[in-house]
């Protein structure tokens, strides 16, 4: 099914009418954003929590957002604004490298290293600070490793999870290979898209709210925390989560993956069957929703049989067009997709 069938394109007049209708909600969001809540972690660390609550919530289960490599709360602002107008309460802490933790109080899978412990501790602090017992969660890139580890360790705190361009699912590779692919493929891919946006090329009219940043400079996050940056890069190259996904699903947590075949950072060459991975914005599914894995695919390399139905590992797999971070560049379209995925997962459990 094409994305446009789920969310029909609007004319400029319809877009303006929609913008006018949502203006009051945008204003409320902007005001709330100015006043994050300062919470204290179990070890006494102070950290800002953005708890964006719309007036009319479509579900009592809020959505926790988990940032990828060097990701900040500001990076999520565009998507949180869209989720807010769709009636979803969202939570994110402003800690790109997580928070301190007590190893004696945290028991993660053996694959977890210091970066994962720090990010899981930040997730727990966010949920505790917002007095939330159970949440849905959305993670991007490196954050997907952290979220899967958290969901496996604390399944009682998560209902459904969405993994966007997930790290940790490629074949084993060295740290040098990860850095090489990022600098020689992923970064040029993003720069090319940004240049296309500036030129106004078709397909690059990003739907970002005027008050939100189009492109954020995250170099400060890298230069101020060089040791953590190296540790996180090492984790990306070494932590594998495919078998953990099976265990997370066995614990009753719904799982959806959103991936672009154009992503140069984490390749998505894993699908076959009655699906197209080259057309923009299509939701990929085979007969009766089955999507099979190619033998040489990255998931298959993690002991997933080539004829195993992916629905035994995840509940849904969506293919979208764009580079690794386009999720942040097209917040309206992507957020509608995320909202729809979370709604479908909840409905599958009879909870929506």
Protein backbone atom coordinates (compact mmCIF):
# COMPACT_ATOMS: atom_id res chain seq x y z
CA UNK A 1 0.00 0.00 0.00
CA UNK A 2 1.38 3.40 -0.95
CA UNK A 3 1.91 6.02 1.72
CA UNK A 4 -0.31 8.40 -0.23
CA UNK A 5 -3.21 5.95 0.15
CA UNK A 6 -2.89 6.18 3.91
CA UNK A 7 -2.18 9.92 3.98
CA UNK A 8 -3.39 11.60 0.77
CA UNK A 9 -1.37 14.57 -0.46
CA UNK A 10 -2.98 17.95 0.17
CA UNK A 11 -3.20 20.94 -2.11
CA UNK A 12 -1.49 24.19 -0.99
CA UNK A 13 -4.91 25.50 0.02
CA UNK A 14 -5.61 22.39 2.12
CA UNK A 15 -2.18 22.64 3.73
CA UNK A 16 -2.81 26.27 4.67
CA UNK A 17 -6.22 25.41 6.12
CA UNK A 18 -4.63 22.62 8.16
CA UNK A 19 -1.91 24.97 9.38
CA UNK A 20 -4.51 27.52 10.45
CA UNK A 21 -6.52 24.86 12.28
CA UNK A 22 -3.52 23.57 14.20
CA UNK A 23 -2.07 27.01 15.00
CA UNK A 24 -3.47 27.03 18.57
CA UNK A 25 -1.93 23.61 19.26
CA UNK A 26 1.40 24.74 17.78
CA UNK A 27 1.37 27.77 20.07
CA UNK A 28 0.69 25.61 23.13
CA UNK A 29 3.48 23.24 22.15
CA UNK A 30 5.96 26.08 21.64
CA UNK A 31 5.16 27.50 25.07
CA UNK A 32 5.47 24.13 26.80
CA UNK A 33 8.79 23.51 25.08
CA UNK A 34 10.27 26.59 26.75
CA UNK A 35 9.77 25.06 30.19
CA UNK A 36 11.32 21.60 30.49
CA UNK A 37 11.11 19.87 33.84
CA UNK A 38 14.38 19.43 35.72
CA UNK A 39 14.50 15.95 37.21
CA UNK A 40 17.05 14.32 39.50
CA UNK A 41 18.37 10.85 38.69
CA UNK A 42 18.91 8.21 41.41
CA UNK A 43 22.59 9.23 41.56
CA UNK A 44 21.75 12.91 42.00
CA UNK A 45 22.42 14.08 38.44
CA UNK A 46 20.22 16.93 37.15
CA UNK A 47 18.75 16.57 33.69
CA UNK A 48 16.00 18.28 31.66
CA UNK A 49 12.90 16.27 30.81
CA UNK A 50 10.61 17.44 28.01
CA UNK A 51 7.15 16.08 28.83
CA UNK A 52 4.85 17.36 26.10
CA UNK A 53 1.22 16.73 27.03
CA UNK A 54 -1.58 17.73 24.63
CA UNK A 55 -4.87 18.86 26.10
CA UNK A 56 -6.71 15.86 24.67
CA UNK A 57 -4.62 12.67 24.75
CA UNK A 58 -5.65 9.92 22.33
CA UNK A 59 -4.15 7.24 24.59
CA UNK A 60 -3.18 7.11 28.28
CA UNK A 61 0.10 5.47 27.28
CA UNK A 62 2.73 8.14 26.49
CA UNK A 63 5.55 7.74 23.98
CA UNK A 64 9.18 7.77 25.10
CA UNK A 65 11.71 8.93 22.48
CA UNK A 66 15.25 7.54 22.43
CA UNK A 67 17.93 9.49 20.59
CA UNK A 68 20.62 8.06 18.36
CA UNK A 69 24.31 8.94 18.26
CA UNK A 70 24.87 12.42 19.82
CA UNK A 71 21.13 13.11 19.54
CA UNK A 72 19.64 15.87 21.69
CA UNK A 73 16.10 16.78 22.73
CA UNK A 74 16.18 19.63 20.20
CA UNK A 75 16.68 17.09 17.44
CA UNK A 76 13.37 15.46 18.40
CA UNK A 77 11.44 18.71 18.69
CA UNK A 78 10.08 18.61 15.13
CA UNK A 79 8.68 15.10 15.54
CA UNK A 80 7.38 15.77 19.04
CA UNK A 81 5.44 18.76 17.72
CA UNK A 82 3.69 16.51 15.20
CA UNK A 83 2.95 13.80 17.76
CA UNK A 84 1.58 16.50 20.06
CA UNK A 85 -0.89 17.74 17.44
CA UNK A 86 -1.90 14.11 16.86
CA UNK A 87 -2.79 13.81 20.54
CA UNK A 88 0.20 11.82 21.76
CA UNK A 89 2.04 12.71 24.94
CA UNK A 90 5.79 12.42 24.33
CA UNK A 91 8.81 12.28 26.63
CA UNK A 92 12.51 12.86 25.96
CA UNK A 93 15.46 13.71 28.20
CA UNK A 94 18.08 16.16 27.04
CA UNK A 95 21.06 13.90 27.53
CA UNK A 96 22.82 12.85 24.35
CA UNK A 97 25.07 10.44 26.23
CA UNK A 98 22.71 9.26 28.94
CA UNK A 99 23.28 9.61 32.69
CA UNK A 100 25.37 7.99 35.40
CA UNK A 101 24.17 4.63 36.70
CA UNK A 102 24.76 2.16 39.52
CA UNK A 103 25.93 -1.14 37.96
CA UNK A 104 24.72 -2.98 41.06
CA UNK A 105 21.19 -1.69 40.50
CA UNK A 106 21.07 -2.26 36.72
CA UNK A 107 21.20 -5.72 35.16
CA UNK A 108 21.24 -5.56 31.37
CA UNK A 109 22.06 -8.22 28.82
CA UNK A 110 25.75 -9.13 28.58
CA UNK A 111 25.96 -7.34 25.23
CA UNK A 112 25.35 -3.99 26.92
CA UNK A 113 28.35 -1.77 27.55
CA UNK A 114 28.78 1.58 29.30
CA UNK A 115 26.95 3.65 26.61
CA UNK A 116 23.92 1.35 26.77
CA UNK A 117 23.82 1.42 30.56
CA UNK A 118 23.91 5.21 30.49
CA UNK A 119 21.08 5.50 27.96
CA UNK A 120 18.89 2.93 29.73
CA UNK A 121 19.44 4.83 32.98
CA UNK A 122 18.26 8.00 31.21
CA UNK A 123 15.13 6.20 29.98
CA UNK A 124 14.32 5.03 33.49
CA UNK A 125 14.90 8.54 34.85
CA UNK A 126 12.52 9.98 32.24
CA UNK A 127 9.74 7.51 33.03
CA UNK A 128 10.21 7.89 36.77
CA UNK A 129 10.39 11.69 36.54
CA UNK A 130 7.13 11.76 34.57
CA UNK A 131 5.53 9.16 36.88
CA UNK A 132 4.90 6.82 33.98
CA UNK A 133 4.66 3.08 34.64
CA UNK A 134 4.38 1.88 31.02
CA UNK A 135 5.10 3.61 27.72
CA UNK A 136 5.35 3.09 24.00
CA UNK A 137 8.79 4.00 22.68
CA UNK A 138 10.37 5.21 19.45
CA UNK A 139 14.12 5.05 18.85
CA UNK A 140 16.40 6.09 16.02
CA UNK A 141 19.71 4.59 14.87
CA UNK A 142 22.03 3.84 17.83
CA UNK A 143 19.10 4.50 20.16
CA UNK A 144 17.47 1.32 18.85
CA UNK A 145 20.20 -0.76 20.48
CA UNK A 146 19.57 1.01 23.78
CA UNK A 147 15.79 0.63 23.53
CA UNK A 148 15.86 -3.08 22.68
CA UNK A 149 18.18 -3.74 25.64
CA UNK A 150 15.89 -1.71 27.92
CA UNK A 151 12.75 -3.49 26.68
CA UNK A 152 14.36 -6.87 27.24
CA UNK A 153 15.52 -5.97 30.75
CA UNK A 154 12.34 -4.14 31.80
CA UNK A 155 9.46 -5.47 29.67
CA UNK A 156 6.91 -4.27 32.21
CA UNK A 157 7.74 -0.67 31.31
CA UNK A 158 7.11 -0.93 27.57
CA UNK A 159 3.98 -1.70 25.54
CA UNK A 160 5.11 -1.27 21.91
CA UNK A 161 8.35 -0.07 20.30
CA UNK A 162 9.21 1.43 16.91
CA UNK A 163 12.79 1.17 15.62
CA UNK A 164 13.76 3.70 12.92
CA UNK A 165 16.84 2.97 10.80
CA UNK A 166 18.09 0.64 13.57
CA UNK A 167 21.72 0.05 14.38
CA UNK A 168 22.83 -3.29 15.76
CA UNK A 169 21.32 -5.39 12.97
CA UNK A 170 24.15 -5.42 10.43
CA UNK A 171 26.65 -8.26 10.06
CA UNK A 172 29.65 -8.04 12.35
CA UNK A 173 31.96 -5.26 11.27
CA UNK A 174 34.86 -3.32 12.70
CA UNK A 175 34.83 0.17 14.16
CA UNK A 176 36.89 1.33 11.17
CA UNK A 177 34.19 0.05 8.79
CA UNK A 178 31.45 1.91 10.68
CA UNK A 179 33.38 5.18 10.59
CA UNK A 180 34.32 4.67 6.93
CA UNK A 181 30.72 4.09 5.89
CA UNK A 182 29.53 7.08 7.89
CA UNK A 183 32.10 9.53 6.52
CA UNK A 184 32.31 8.29 2.92
CA UNK A 185 28.67 7.35 2.34
CA UNK A 186 26.23 8.50 5.00
CA UNK A 187 27.49 12.06 5.51
CA UNK A 188 27.75 12.78 1.74
CA UNK A 189 24.23 11.36 1.36
CA UNK A 190 22.86 13.75 3.99
CA UNK A 191 24.78 16.70 2.56
CA UNK A 192 23.42 15.94 -0.89
CA UNK A 193 19.87 15.92 0.49
CA UNK A 194 20.43 19.21 2.31
CA UNK A 195 21.72 20.84 -0.87
CA UNK A 196 18.68 19.54 -2.74
CA UNK A 197 16.48 21.07 -0.04
CA UNK A 198 18.18 24.45 -0.44
CA UNK A 199 17.66 24.31 -4.21
CA UNK A 200 14.01 23.37 -3.76
CA UNK A 201 14.33 20.15 -5.73
CA UNK A 202 11.15 18.03 -6.10
CA UNK A 203 10.74 15.68 -3.15
CA UNK A 204 12.84 17.83 -0.81
CA UNK A 205 10.29 20.41 0.32
CA UNK A 206 10.69 19.48 3.98
CA UNK A 207 7.62 19.92 6.15
CA UNK A 208 9.32 21.52 9.17
CA UNK A 209 7.51 24.06 11.34
CA UNK A 210 8.92 27.62 10.98
CA UNK A 211 9.88 27.74 14.69
CA UNK A 212 11.93 24.54 14.54
CA UNK A 213 15.51 24.12 13.36
CA UNK A 214 16.04 22.60 9.92
CA UNK A 215 19.63 21.49 10.45
CA UNK A 216 21.29 21.20 13.87
CA UNK A 217 25.03 21.37 14.51
CA UNK A 218 25.83 18.44 16.80
CA UNK A 219 29.60 18.96 16.73
CA UNK A 220 29.47 20.40 20.25
CA UNK A 221 28.04 17.14 21.56
CA UNK A 222 30.96 15.29 19.97
CA UNK A 223 33.79 17.60 21.02
CA UNK A 224 32.62 17.98 24.62
CA UNK A 225 32.33 14.24 25.23
CA UNK A 226 35.07 12.56 23.15
CA UNK A 227 35.41 9.49 25.38
CA UNK A 228 31.69 8.76 25.31
CA UNK A 229 31.64 9.31 21.55
CA UNK A 230 34.34 6.66 21.00
CA UNK A 231 32.55 4.24 23.31
CA UNK A 232 29.27 4.70 21.44
CA UNK A 233 30.92 4.17 18.07
CA UNK A 234 32.44 0.97 19.42
CA UNK A 235 28.98 -0.17 20.58
CA UNK A 236 27.47 0.49 17.16
CA UNK A 237 30.10 -1.76 15.63
CA UNK A 238 29.83 -4.56 18.16
CA UNK A 239 26.41 -4.84 19.79
CA UNK A 240 23.98 -7.17 17.92
CA UNK A 241 20.31 -7.25 18.86
CA UNK A 242 18.44 -9.50 16.41
CA UNK A 243 18.08 -12.42 18.82
CA UNK A 244 17.04 -9.98 21.56
CA UNK A 245 14.19 -8.83 19.31
CA UNK A 246 12.76 -12.34 19.37
CA UNK A 247 12.93 -12.38 23.15
CA UNK A 248 11.38 -8.91 23.42
CA UNK A 249 8.45 -10.03 21.29
CA UNK A 250 8.06 -13.17 23.41
CA UNK A 251 7.56 -10.84 26.37
CA UNK A 252 4.49 -9.40 24.64
CA UNK A 253 5.98 -6.14 23.37
CA UNK A 254 4.92 -5.10 19.87
CA UNK A 255 7.75 -4.27 17.45
CA UNK A 256 7.80 -2.27 14.22
CA UNK A 257 10.85 -1.44 12.10
CA UNK A 258 11.02 1.58 9.76
CA UNK A 259 13.87 1.43 7.26
CA UNK A 260 14.94 3.04 4.00
CA UNK A 261 16.71 1.04 1.29
CA UNK A 262 18.55 4.30 0.54
CA UNK A 263 20.04 4.48 4.02
CA UNK A 264 23.83 4.42 3.59
CA UNK A 265 24.53 4.07 7.31
CA UNK A 266 22.69 0.83 8.03
CA UNK A 267 21.85 -1.05 4.85
CA UNK A 268 18.36 -2.49 4.51
CA UNK A 269 19.00 -5.12 1.83
CA UNK A 270 16.93 -7.71 3.65
CA UNK A 271 13.61 -8.00 1.85
CA UNK A 272 12.25 -10.01 -1.02
CA UNK A 273 8.88 -11.28 -2.22
CA UNK A 274 5.97 -9.15 -3.40
CA UNK A 275 7.45 -5.86 -2.25
CA UNK A 276 9.10 -2.88 -3.92
CA UNK A 277 11.85 -1.08 -2.08
CA UNK A 278 12.49 1.63 -4.64
CA UNK A 279 9.24 3.56 -4.74
CA UNK A 280 8.92 6.50 -2.38
CA UNK A 281 6.83 6.18 0.72
CA UNK A 282 5.48 2.66 0.31
CA UNK A 283 4.61 0.38 3.16
CA UNK A 284 6.19 -2.94 2.26
CA UNK A 285 4.26 -6.15 2.78
CA UNK A 286 3.92 -9.39 0.95
CA UNK A 287 0.92 -11.69 0.72
CA UNK A 288 -1.11 -11.57 3.94
CA UNK A 289 1.43 -9.17 5.41
CA UNK A 290 4.33 -11.59 5.13
CA UNK A 291 7.75 -10.24 4.29
CA UNK A 292 10.56 -12.73 3.79
CA UNK A 293 14.25 -12.24 4.35
CA UNK A 294 16.97 -12.72 1.76
CA UNK A 295 19.70 -15.19 2.68
CA UNK A 296 22.40 -12.57 2.29
CA UNK A 297 20.46 -9.93 4.19
CA UNK A 298 21.70 -8.38 7.41
CA UNK A 299 18.93 -9.90 9.50
CA UNK A 300 19.48 -13.29 7.90
CA UNK A 301 23.14 -13.14 8.86
CA UNK A 302 22.03 -13.01 12.47
CA UNK A 303 20.69 -16.59 12.28
CA UNK A 304 17.34 -15.66 10.73
CA UNK A 305 16.39 -18.33 8.23
CA UNK A 306 15.85 -17.02 4.69
CA UNK A 307 12.37 -18.56 4.65
CA UNK A 308 11.40 -17.41 8.13
CA UNK A 309 8.44 -15.05 8.18
CA UNK A 310 9.58 -11.69 9.55
CA UNK A 311 6.36 -11.49 11.55
CA UNK A 312 7.91 -14.10 13.84
CA UNK A 313 10.50 -11.48 14.77
CA UNK A 314 8.59 -8.19 14.40
CA UNK A 315 4.97 -7.16 13.94
CA UNK A 316 5.51 -4.75 11.08
CA UNK A 317 8.14 -3.53 8.63
CA UNK A 318 7.73 -0.19 6.84
CA UNK A 319 9.97 0.94 3.99
CA UNK A 320 10.37 4.65 3.34
CA UNK A 321 12.41 6.80 0.98
CA UNK A 322 15.40 8.86 2.07
CA UNK A 323 18.74 8.98 3.84
CA UNK A 324 19.52 7.92 7.41
CA UNK A 325 18.20 11.02 9.18
CA UNK A 326 15.31 12.00 6.93
CA UNK A 327 13.01 11.05 9.79
CA UNK A 328 13.89 14.47 11.25
CA UNK A 329 13.62 16.28 7.91
CA UNK A 330 10.10 15.09 7.06
CA UNK A 331 8.46 15.14 10.52
CA UNK A 332 4.86 15.40 9.32
CA UNK A 333 4.99 12.39 7.01
CA UNK A 334 7.18 10.23 9.21
CA UNK A 335 5.24 11.08 12.37
CA UNK A 336 1.96 10.12 10.76
CA UNK A 337 3.59 6.81 9.92
CA UNK A 338 4.82 6.36 13.51
CA UNK A 339 1.43 7.32 14.92
CA UNK A 340 -0.27 4.85 12.61
CA UNK A 341 2.16 2.09 13.54
CA UNK A 342 1.64 2.62 17.28
CA UNK A 343 -2.12 2.73 16.79
CA UNK A 344 -2.03 -0.53 14.81
CA UNK A 345 0.12 -2.24 17.44
CA UNK A 346 -2.22 -1.14 20.22
CA UNK A 347 -5.29 -2.24 18.23
CA UNK A 348 -3.69 -5.64 17.66
CA UNK A 349 -3.70 -6.06 21.44
CA UNK A 350 -7.25 -4.72 21.73
CA UNK A 351 -5.99 -1.63 23.54
CA UNK A 352 -7.08 1.09 21.14
